Amino acid sequence: MAQTVGRNMAAPLLFLNLLMYIIVVGLASWNLNHFINGQTNYPGVAGNGATPYFLIFAILAGVIGVAAKLAGGNHIRAWRSDSLAAAAASAVVAWAVTALAFGLACKEIHVGGHRGWRLRVLEGFIIVLAFTQLLYLLLLHAGVFSSKYGPGYRDTEYGPGAGPATGMEKGGVTGTRV
């Protein structure tokens, strides 16, 4: 039971982030499509000078976020150190790109102007995702501090204080070949 504390906390956050990233991909692609077609007067689009950059990074963050959540789902299912490496690495990349989109969302809000409701909703999703993705990333790395929060980063049979290696002293090859 104590070994699943991290899994029980990370799984709902993983699912929530997956749904939010899928919504981000949908909203950002819809807005970018209308922005490219020159339909900025279409209800829900509009924007300012930061909008095209924000939309590109929002789509990129969404796609990388969905891929990272698939790796995270595999880790939640397996809950091993090797799956942790893939989930943590992809989560770091997803958070970094989401943080870039977060900065552009803040810039777009700061510049102001008329922004449609879909664009404002997309900005809100990106802002919330920047924080929930960071929280998910911290939950993945909580195993560094205590093995009850994750599968752990250290193998107990290696390093100082470990017992003798198995196989070598029980009839295994102990020297080098000539």
Protein backbone atom coordinates (compact mmCIF):
# COMPACT_ATOMS: atom_id res chain seq x y z
CA MET A 1 0.00 0.00 0.00
CA ALA A 2 2.76 2.44 0.92
CA GLN A 3 4.50 1.77 -2.40
CA THR A 4 1.52 3.13 -4.37
CA VAL A 5 1.26 6.58 -2.78
CA GLY A 6 2.99 8.27 -5.74
CA ARG A 7 1.02 6.27 -8.26
CA ASN A 8 -2.30 7.14 -6.63
CA MET A 9 -1.42 10.84 -6.68
CA ALA A 10 0.07 10.97 -10.19
CA ALA A 11 -2.57 8.93 -12.05
CA PRO A 12 -5.51 11.39 -11.70
CA LEU A 13 -3.24 14.33 -12.53
CA LEU A 14 -1.95 12.45 -15.59
CA PHE A 15 -5.50 11.86 -16.82
CA LEU A 16 -6.51 15.49 -16.19
CA ASN A 17 -3.46 16.79 -18.04
CA LEU A 18 -4.10 14.40 -20.94
CA LEU A 19 -7.64 15.74 -21.36
CA MET A 20 -6.45 19.34 -21.11
CA TYR A 21 -3.68 18.80 -23.67
CA ILE A 22 -6.19 17.25 -26.10
CA ILE A 23 -8.44 20.29 -25.67
CA VAL A 24 -5.44 22.58 -26.23
CA VAL A 25 -4.59 20.80 -29.49
CA GLY A 26 -8.19 21.18 -30.68
CA LEU A 27 -8.56 24.84 -29.74
CA ALA A 28 -5.13 25.89 -30.98
CA SER A 29 -5.48 24.10 -34.30
CA TRP A 30 -8.94 25.58 -34.87
CA ASN A 31 -7.69 29.09 -34.05
CA LEU A 32 -4.57 28.71 -36.17
CA ASN A 33 -6.58 27.43 -39.12
CA HIS A 34 -8.86 30.47 -39.04
CA PHE A 35 -5.92 32.80 -38.42
CA ILE A 36 -4.05 31.43 -41.47
CA ASN A 37 -7.16 31.73 -43.63
CA GLY A 38 -7.35 35.42 -42.71
CA GLN A 39 -10.63 35.03 -40.85
CA THR A 40 -9.61 37.13 -37.86
CA ASN A 41 -13.00 38.79 -37.86
CA TYR A 42 -14.61 35.37 -37.31
CA PRO A 43 -16.23 35.21 -33.85
CA GLY A 44 -13.78 33.64 -31.42
CA VAL A 45 -10.52 34.28 -33.30
CA ALA A 46 -9.16 37.87 -33.52
CA GLY A 47 -5.93 38.39 -31.59
CA ASN A 48 -2.88 40.65 -31.67
CA GLY A 49 0.78 40.50 -32.74
CA ALA A 50 1.62 37.68 -30.33
CA THR A 51 -1.23 35.44 -31.51
CA PRO A 52 0.49 33.51 -34.33
CA TYR A 53 3.49 32.69 -32.14
CA PHE A 54 1.27 31.72 -29.24
CA LEU A 55 -0.85 29.43 -31.42
CA ILE A 56 2.19 27.65 -32.85
CA PHE A 57 3.69 27.03 -29.42
CA ALA A 58 0.30 26.02 -28.02
CA ILE A 59 -0.09 23.34 -30.71
CA LEU A 60 3.47 22.20 -30.13
CA ALA A 61 2.92 22.04 -26.37
CA GLY A 62 -0.33 20.13 -26.87
CA VAL A 63 1.14 17.50 -29.17
CA ILE A 64 4.25 16.98 -27.04
CA GLY A 65 2.06 16.93 -23.93
CA VAL A 66 -0.18 14.19 -25.32
CA ALA A 67 2.88 12.12 -26.25
CA ALA A 68 4.34 12.65 -22.79
CA LYS A 69 1.08 11.56 -21.18
CA LEU A 70 1.17 8.32 -23.20
CA ALA A 71 4.66 7.62 -21.83
CA GLY A 72 3.39 8.60 -18.39
CA GLY A 73 0.46 6.20 -18.69
CA ASN A 74 2.89 3.41 -19.50
CA HIS A 75 4.89 4.32 -16.42
CA ILE A 76 1.81 4.40 -14.19
CA ARG A 77 0.91 0.94 -15.48
CA ALA A 78 4.42 -0.57 -15.09
CA TRP A 79 5.68 1.55 -12.15
CA ARG A 80 9.34 0.66 -12.67
CA SER A 81 12.55 2.66 -12.79
CA ASP A 82 13.06 2.12 -16.52
CA SER A 83 9.59 3.42 -17.38
CA LEU A 84 10.18 6.31 -14.98
CA ALA A 85 13.11 7.49 -17.08
CA ALA A 86 11.00 7.76 -20.25
CA ALA A 87 8.06 9.34 -18.45
CA ALA A 88 10.21 11.89 -16.62
CA ALA A 89 12.22 12.86 -19.71
CA SER A 90 9.15 13.39 -21.87
CA ALA A 91 7.39 15.25 -19.03
CA VAL A 92 10.32 17.66 -18.74
CA VAL A 93 10.20 18.42 -22.46
CA ALA A 94 6.42 18.85 -22.37
CA TRP A 95 6.67 21.20 -19.41
CA ALA A 96 9.42 23.25 -21.09
CA VAL A 97 7.37 23.80 -24.25
CA THR A 98 4.25 24.48 -22.17
CA ALA A 99 6.24 27.06 -20.20
CA LEU A 100 7.17 28.77 -23.50
CA ALA A 101 3.51 28.81 -24.52
CA PHE A 102 2.66 30.13 -21.03
CA GLY A 103 5.05 33.04 -21.55
CA LEU A 104 3.48 33.85 -24.91
CA ALA A 105 0.00 33.62 -23.39
CA CYS A 106 1.03 36.14 -20.74
CA LYS A 107 2.47 38.40 -23.46
CA GLU A 108 -0.72 38.14 -25.49
CA ILE A 109 -2.80 39.06 -22.46
CA HIS A 110 -0.46 41.95 -21.67
CA VAL A 111 -0.59 43.36 -25.23
CA GLY A 112 -4.37 43.27 -25.06
CA GLY A 113 -6.71 44.08 -27.88
CA HIS A 114 -9.81 42.15 -28.84
CA ARG A 115 -9.30 38.43 -28.46
CA GLY A 116 -12.11 36.01 -29.11
CA TRP A 117 -13.49 33.70 -26.48
CA ARG A 118 -11.80 30.63 -27.94
CA LEU A 119 -8.44 32.35 -27.78
CA ARG A 120 -9.03 33.43 -24.19
CA VAL A 121 -10.06 29.89 -23.25
CA LEU A 122 -6.90 28.56 -24.90
CA GLU A 123 -4.81 31.05 -22.92
CA GLY A 124 -6.47 29.88 -19.72
CA PHE A 125 -5.84 26.21 -20.50
CA ILE A 126 -2.17 26.90 -21.22
CA ILE A 127 -1.78 28.85 -17.97
CA VAL A 128 -3.41 26.08 -15.93
CA LEU A 129 -1.41 23.38 -17.77
CA ALA A 130 1.88 25.11 -17.01
CA PHE A 131 1.23 24.63 -13.30
CA THR A 132 -0.43 21.20 -13.38
CA GLN A 133 2.32 19.82 -15.63
CA LEU A 134 4.93 21.15 -13.19
CA LEU A 135 3.07 19.47 -10.32
CA TYR A 136 2.96 16.19 -12.29
CA LEU A 137 6.68 16.50 -12.99
CA LEU A 138 7.40 17.00 -9.29
CA LEU A 139 5.28 13.96 -8.42
CA LEU A 140 7.29 11.86 -10.88
CA HIS A 141 10.54 12.98 -9.28
CA ALA A 142 9.30 12.54 -5.71
CA GLY A 143 10.94 9.11 -5.67
CA VAL A 144 14.28 10.87 -5.24
CA PHE A 145 13.32 11.81 -1.70
CA SER A 146 11.49 8.67 -0.62
CA SER A 147 10.90 5.32 -2.28
CA LYS A 148 7.28 5.31 -1.06
CA TYR A 149 6.47 7.99 -3.65
CA GLY A 150 7.98 6.21 -6.63
CA PRO A 151 9.86 3.18 -7.84
CA GLY A 152 13.10 4.88 -6.80
CA TYR A 153 16.19 5.96 -8.63
CA ARG A 154 18.68 3.73 -6.83
CA ASP A 155 19.14 -0.02 -6.99
CA THR A 156 19.93 -1.38 -3.55
CA GLU A 157 22.35 -4.05 -4.74
CA TYR A 158 24.89 -1.53 -6.09
CA GLY A 159 27.05 1.07 -4.42
CA PRO A 160 28.68 1.43 -1.02
CA GLY A 161 27.46 -0.89 1.66
CA ALA A 162 26.06 -3.42 -0.80
CA GLY A 163 26.69 -7.07 -0.22
CA PRO A 164 28.90 -9.17 -2.48
CA ALA A 165 27.73 -9.67 -6.04
CA THR A 166 25.88 -12.89 -6.68
CA GLY A 167 27.38 -15.39 -9.09
CA MET A 168 31.04 -14.38 -8.80
CA GLU A 169 31.69 -16.07 -5.49
CA LYS A 170 29.46 -19.03 -6.27
CA GLY A 171 31.50 -20.59 -9.03
CA GLY A 172 31.36 -17.76 -11.54
CA VAL A 173 34.29 -16.60 -13.62
CA THR A 174 36.46 -14.33 -11.50
CA GLY A 175 39.33 -13.46 -13.78
CA THR A 176 39.96 -12.28 -17.29
CA ARG A 177 40.38 -14.53 -20.26
CA VAL A 178 43.71 -14.85 -21.93
